[in-house]
Amino acid sequence: MNVRVSFPRHRHLLFVQCGIVAAAIVMLMTSGCASSPRFTRDRSAGPSGRTAGGDAKSLKTMEGIASYYADDFNGKKTANGETYDMYKMTAAHRSLPFNTKVRVTNIENKRSIIVRINDRGPFKLERIIDLSLAAATQLGMKGTGTANVKLEVVEWGDDEYVK
């Protein structure tokens, strides 16, 4: 039995079309692996935000919910490598550079403190900062656990880790 398979006259076009489709699929699949440009900034300028009090240095302000962390983490390492002390005026923030000093104001009672960022968090998305027990006590939020606060960067940190 002699079977003859016939291809269309323009079979080379079929191969070209398949090649184009295959190349497009490969490009789409590998485009997610491409590196994105790294964000760089001049550390002396700090991230952009609202200018505070006519200062030439751009300082950032935010508002949201603060919480605090204490006993379960006391004595454990923070994200910057130092040991957490719940009796110091420190805080955790998702993105501010380590050692940044932030004025935290309780919007309801107008109490205000300055904390140093030494950890990462909070991990509940609706919150913007996790304070130490000492900071929460000074702000008058220890009883409620959370408070509506305003954050103002007072001094940009060096983002250094403890060695």
C-alpha atoms as a PDB file:
ATOM      1  CA  MET A   1       0.000   0.000   0.000  1.00  0.00           C
ATOM      2  CA  ASN A   2       1.409   3.282  -1.058  1.00  0.00           C
ATOM      3  CA  VAL A   3       0.199   6.301   0.969  1.00  0.00           C
ATOM      4  CA  ARG A   4       1.075   9.707  -0.228  1.00  0.00           C
ATOM      5  CA  VAL A   5       0.751  12.692   2.084  1.00  0.00           C
ATOM      6  CA  SER A   6       0.323  15.999   0.369  1.00  0.00           C
ATOM      7  CA  PHE A   7       1.208  19.379   1.857  1.00  0.00           C
ATOM      8  CA  PRO A   8      -0.285  22.646   0.772  1.00  0.00           C
ATOM      9  CA  ARG A   9       1.608  24.446  -1.940  1.00  0.00           C
ATOM     10  CA  HIS A  10       2.690  27.193   0.405  1.00  0.00           C
ATOM     11  CA  ARG A  11       3.852  24.990   3.229  1.00  0.00           C
ATOM     12  CA  HIS A  12       6.796  27.304   3.868  1.00  0.00           C
ATOM     13  CA  LEU A  13       4.246  29.953   4.971  1.00  0.00           C
ATOM     14  CA  LEU A  14       2.833  27.479   7.473  1.00  0.00           C
ATOM     15  CA  PHE A  15       6.295  26.976   8.956  1.00  0.00           C
ATOM     16  CA  VAL A  16       6.881  30.743   9.123  1.00  0.00           C
ATOM     17  CA  GLN A  17       3.540  31.308  10.870  1.00  0.00           C
ATOM     18  CA  CYS A  18       4.272  28.537  13.384  1.00  0.00           C
ATOM     19  CA  GLY A  19       7.702  30.021  14.015  1.00  0.00           C
ATOM     20  CA  ILE A  20       6.254  33.462  14.682  1.00  0.00           C
ATOM     21  CA  VAL A  21       3.656  32.058  17.086  1.00  0.00           C
ATOM     22  CA  ALA A  22       6.312  29.973  18.891  1.00  0.00           C
ATOM     23  CA  ALA A  23       8.616  32.989  19.203  1.00  0.00           C
ATOM     24  CA  ALA A  24       5.775  35.116  20.598  1.00  0.00           C
ATOM     25  CA  ILE A  25       4.936  32.455  23.185  1.00  0.00           C
ATOM     26  CA  VAL A  26       8.575  32.163  24.270  1.00  0.00           C
ATOM     27  CA  MET A  27       8.872  35.961  24.557  1.00  0.00           C
ATOM     28  CA  LEU A  28       5.729  36.178  26.677  1.00  0.00           C
ATOM     29  CA  MET A  29       6.858  33.374  28.946  1.00  0.00           C
ATOM     30  CA  THR A  30      10.338  34.799  29.519  1.00  0.00           C
ATOM     31  CA  SER A  31       9.370  38.474  29.820  1.00  0.00           C
ATOM     32  CA  GLY A  32       8.398  37.894  33.455  1.00  0.00           C
ATOM     33  CA  CYS A  33      11.984  36.841  34.153  1.00  0.00           C
ATOM     34  CA  ALA A  34      13.475  40.083  32.880  1.00  0.00           C
ATOM     35  CA  SER A  35      14.912  42.273  35.589  1.00  0.00           C
ATOM     36  CA  SER A  36      13.198  45.543  36.300  1.00  0.00           C
ATOM     37  CA  PRO A  37      15.228  48.711  36.619  1.00  0.00           C
ATOM     38  CA  ARG A  38      16.420  49.245  40.193  1.00  0.00           C
ATOM     39  CA  PHE A  39      15.045  52.251  42.002  1.00  0.00           C
ATOM     40  CA  THR A  40      17.870  54.485  43.092  1.00  0.00           C
ATOM     41  CA  ARG A  41      17.774  57.768  44.886  1.00  0.00           C
ATOM     42  CA  ASP A  42      20.112  60.213  46.463  1.00  0.00           C
ATOM     43  CA  ARG A  43      20.064  59.324  50.167  1.00  0.00           C
ATOM     44  CA  SER A  44      20.580  62.949  51.158  1.00  0.00           C
ATOM     45  CA  ALA A  45      17.382  63.989  49.425  1.00  0.00           C
ATOM     46  CA  GLY A  46      15.154  61.277  50.889  1.00  0.00           C
ATOM     47  CA  PRO A  47      12.022  59.913  49.245  1.00  0.00           C
ATOM     48  CA  SER A  48       9.625  62.441  47.835  1.00  0.00           C
ATOM     49  CA  GLY A  49       6.804  63.548  50.047  1.00  0.00           C
ATOM     50  CA  ARG A  50       5.398  66.699  51.520  1.00  0.00           C
ATOM     51  CA  THR A  51       7.816  69.418  52.581  1.00  0.00           C
ATOM     52  CA  ALA A  52       7.532  70.106  56.279  1.00  0.00           C
ATOM     53  CA  GLY A  53       7.748  73.649  57.586  1.00  0.00           C
ATOM     54  CA  GLY A  54       9.546  75.192  54.622  1.00  0.00           C
ATOM     55  CA  ASP A  55      12.549  72.905  55.101  1.00  0.00           C
ATOM     56  CA  ALA A  56      14.486  72.414  51.868  1.00  0.00           C
ATOM     57  CA  LYS A  57      14.727  68.693  52.618  1.00  0.00           C
ATOM     58  CA  SER A  58      11.702  66.757  51.387  1.00  0.00           C
ATOM     59  CA  LEU A  59      10.050  64.961  54.297  1.00  0.00           C
ATOM     60  CA  LYS A  60       7.349  62.335  54.048  1.00  0.00           C
ATOM     61  CA  THR A  61       4.032  62.320  55.931  1.00  0.00           C
ATOM     62  CA  MET A  62       1.463  59.523  56.217  1.00  0.00           C
ATOM     63  CA  GLU A  63      -1.719  58.821  58.126  1.00  0.00           C
ATOM     64  CA  GLY A  64      -3.168  55.489  59.140  1.00  0.00           C
ATOM     65  CA  ILE A  65      -3.512  52.954  61.922  1.00  0.00           C
ATOM     66  CA  ALA A  66      -0.677  52.183  64.338  1.00  0.00           C
ATOM     67  CA  SER A  67      -0.390  49.074  66.482  1.00  0.00           C
ATOM     68  CA  TYR A  68       2.284  47.895  68.898  1.00  0.00           C
ATOM     69  CA  TYR A  69       4.240  44.742  69.658  1.00  0.00           C
ATOM     70  CA  ALA A  70       5.817  43.790  72.958  1.00  0.00           C
ATOM     71  CA  ASP A  71       6.314  40.621  75.038  1.00  0.00           C
ATOM     72  CA  ASP A  72       6.394  37.985  72.281  1.00  0.00           C
ATOM     73  CA  PHE A  73       9.208  39.808  70.473  1.00  0.00           C
ATOM     74  CA  ASN A  74      11.189  41.293  73.360  1.00  0.00           C
ATOM     75  CA  GLY A  75      14.797  40.121  73.223  1.00  0.00           C
ATOM     76  CA  LYS A  76      14.528  38.789  69.656  1.00  0.00           C
ATOM     77  CA  LYS A  77      16.393  40.145  66.644  1.00  0.00           C
ATOM     78  CA  THR A  78      14.816  42.911  64.580  1.00  0.00           C
ATOM     79  CA  ALA A  79      15.111  43.175  60.805  1.00  0.00           C
ATOM     80  CA  ASN A  80      18.147  45.460  61.076  1.00  0.00           C
ATOM     81  CA  GLY A  81      19.957  42.968  63.334  1.00  0.00           C
ATOM     82  CA  GLU A  82      19.648  44.632  66.722  1.00  0.00           C
ATOM     83  CA  THR A  83      17.874  43.078  69.691  1.00  0.00           C
ATOM     84  CA  TYR A  84      14.311  44.315  70.181  1.00  0.00           C
ATOM     85  CA  ASP A  85      13.768  46.143  73.472  1.00  0.00           C
ATOM     86  CA  MET A  86      10.113  46.937  74.079  1.00  0.00           C
ATOM     87  CA  TYR A  87      11.134  49.701  76.502  1.00  0.00           C
ATOM     88  CA  LYS A  88      12.946  51.750  73.834  1.00  0.00           C
ATOM     89  CA  MET A  89      11.296  54.235  71.476  1.00  0.00           C
ATOM     90  CA  THR A  90      11.490  52.167  68.293  1.00  0.00           C
ATOM     91  CA  ALA A  91       9.128  51.044  65.558  1.00  0.00           C
ATOM     92  CA  ALA A  92       8.660  48.801  62.542  1.00  0.00           C
ATOM     93  CA  HIS A  93       7.780  50.202  59.122  1.00  0.00           C
ATOM     94  CA  ARG A  94       7.475  48.406  55.780  1.00  0.00           C
ATOM     95  CA  SER A  95       9.616  50.707  53.660  1.00  0.00           C
ATOM     96  CA  LEU A  96      11.256  53.592  55.534  1.00  0.00           C
ATOM     97  CA  PRO A  97      15.046  53.202  55.771  1.00  0.00           C
ATOM     98  CA  PHE A  98      16.399  51.798  59.030  1.00  0.00           C
ATOM     99  CA  ASN A  99      17.382  54.456  61.580  1.00  0.00           C
ATOM    100  CA  THR A 100      14.890  56.955  60.154  1.00  0.00           C
ATOM    101  CA  LYS A 101      13.407  59.086  62.927  1.00  0.00           C
ATOM    102  CA  VAL A 102       9.647  59.531  62.703  1.00  0.00           C
ATOM    103  CA  ARG A 103       7.311  61.765  64.684  1.00  0.00           C
ATOM    104  CA  VAL A 104       4.170  59.773  65.480  1.00  0.00           C
ATOM    105  CA  THR A 105       1.110  61.775  66.551  1.00  0.00           C
ATOM    106  CA  ASN A 106      -2.008  60.156  67.984  1.00  0.00           C
ATOM    107  CA  ILE A 107      -4.727  61.994  66.063  1.00  0.00           C
ATOM    108  CA  GLU A 108      -7.356  61.501  68.776  1.00  0.00           C
ATOM    109  CA  ASN A 109      -5.444  62.777  71.844  1.00  0.00           C
ATOM    110  CA  LYS A 110      -2.732  64.847  70.030  1.00  0.00           C
ATOM    111  CA  ARG A 111       0.123  63.117  71.934  1.00  0.00           C
ATOM    112  CA  SER A 112       3.317  63.006  69.918  1.00  0.00           C
ATOM    113  CA  ILE A 113       6.585  61.041  70.167  1.00  0.00           C
ATOM    114  CA  ILE A 114       9.670  60.388  68.055  1.00  0.00           C
ATOM    115  CA  VAL A 115      10.675  56.798  67.266  1.00  0.00           C
ATOM    116  CA  ARG A 116      13.539  55.227  65.322  1.00  0.00           C
ATOM    117  CA  ILE A 117      12.775  52.631  62.636  1.00  0.00           C
ATOM    118  CA  ASN A 118      14.682  49.408  63.384  1.00  0.00           C
ATOM    119  CA  ASP A 119      12.344  46.681  62.141  1.00  0.00           C
ATOM    120  CA  ARG A 120      10.029  45.702  59.274  1.00  0.00           C
ATOM    121  CA  GLY A 121       6.271  45.462  59.587  1.00  0.00           C
ATOM    122  CA  PRO A 122       3.436  45.690  60.347  1.00  0.00           C
ATOM    123  CA  PHE A 123       2.183  42.619  58.558  1.00  0.00           C
ATOM    124  CA  LYS A 124      -1.490  43.557  58.687  1.00  0.00           C
ATOM    125  CA  LEU A 125      -2.043  45.592  55.532  1.00  0.00           C
ATOM    126  CA  GLU A 126      -4.433  48.104  57.085  1.00  0.00           C
ATOM    127  CA  ARG A 127      -1.725  49.295  59.523  1.00  0.00           C
ATOM    128  CA  ILE A 128       1.154  51.632  58.700  1.00  0.00           C
ATOM    129  CA  ILE A 129       3.471  51.265  61.712  1.00  0.00           C
ATOM    130  CA  ASP A 130       4.139  48.898  64.629  1.00  0.00           C
ATOM    131  CA  LEU A 131       5.380  50.685  67.743  1.00  0.00           C
ATOM    132  CA  SER A 132       7.309  49.415  70.747  1.00  0.00           C
ATOM    133  CA  LEU A 133       5.468  49.095  74.071  1.00  0.00           C
ATOM    134  CA  ALA A 134       7.185  52.255  75.354  1.00  0.00           C
ATOM    135  CA  ALA A 135       6.054  54.253  72.325  1.00  0.00           C
ATOM    136  CA  ALA A 136       2.488  52.909  72.520  1.00  0.00           C
ATOM    137  CA  THR A 137       2.309  53.788  76.213  1.00  0.00           C
ATOM    138  CA  GLN A 138       3.516  57.357  75.564  1.00  0.00           C
ATOM    139  CA  LEU A 139       0.882  57.774  72.841  1.00  0.00           C
ATOM    140  CA  GLY A 140      -1.878  56.515  75.139  1.00  0.00           C
ATOM    141  CA  MET A 141      -2.816  53.566  72.923  1.00  0.00           C
ATOM    142  CA  LYS A 142      -1.716  50.649  75.098  1.00  0.00           C
ATOM    143  CA  GLY A 143      -5.265  49.929  76.253  1.00  0.00           C
ATOM    144  CA  THR A 144      -6.860  49.942  72.812  1.00  0.00           C
ATOM    145  CA  GLY A 145      -3.962  48.323  70.955  1.00  0.00           C
ATOM    146  CA  THR A 146      -4.332  50.567  67.920  1.00  0.00           C
ATOM    147  CA  ALA A 147      -4.715  54.265  67.185  1.00  0.00           C
ATOM    148  CA  ASN A 148      -5.159  56.567  64.212  1.00  0.00           C
ATOM    149  CA  VAL A 149      -1.833  58.316  63.780  1.00  0.00           C
ATOM    150  CA  LYS A 150       0.041  60.768  61.615  1.00  0.00           C
ATOM    151  CA  LEU A 151       3.663  59.943  60.720  1.00  0.00           C
ATOM    152  CA  GLU A 152       6.193  62.626  59.819  1.00  0.00           C
ATOM    153  CA  VAL A 153       9.765  61.821  58.851  1.00  0.00           C
ATOM    154  CA  VAL A 154      12.002  64.005  61.021  1.00  0.00           C
ATOM    155  CA  GLU A 155      15.356  62.635  59.875  1.00  0.00           C
ATOM    156  CA  TRP A 156      16.191  60.136  57.143  1.00  0.00           C
ATOM    157  CA  GLY A 157      18.079  57.057  58.274  1.00  0.00           C
ATOM    158  CA  ASP A 158      21.153  55.474  56.764  1.00  0.00           C
ATOM    159  CA  ASP A 159      19.430  52.094  56.212  1.00  0.00           C
ATOM    160  CA  GLU A 160      22.365  50.398  57.964  1.00  0.00           C
ATOM    161  CA  TYR A 161      22.184  46.991  59.594  1.00  0.00           C
ATOM    162  CA  VAL A 162      23.760  46.218  62.965  1.00  0.00           C
ATOM    163  CA  LYS A 163      26.947  44.217  62.459  1.00  0.00           C
END
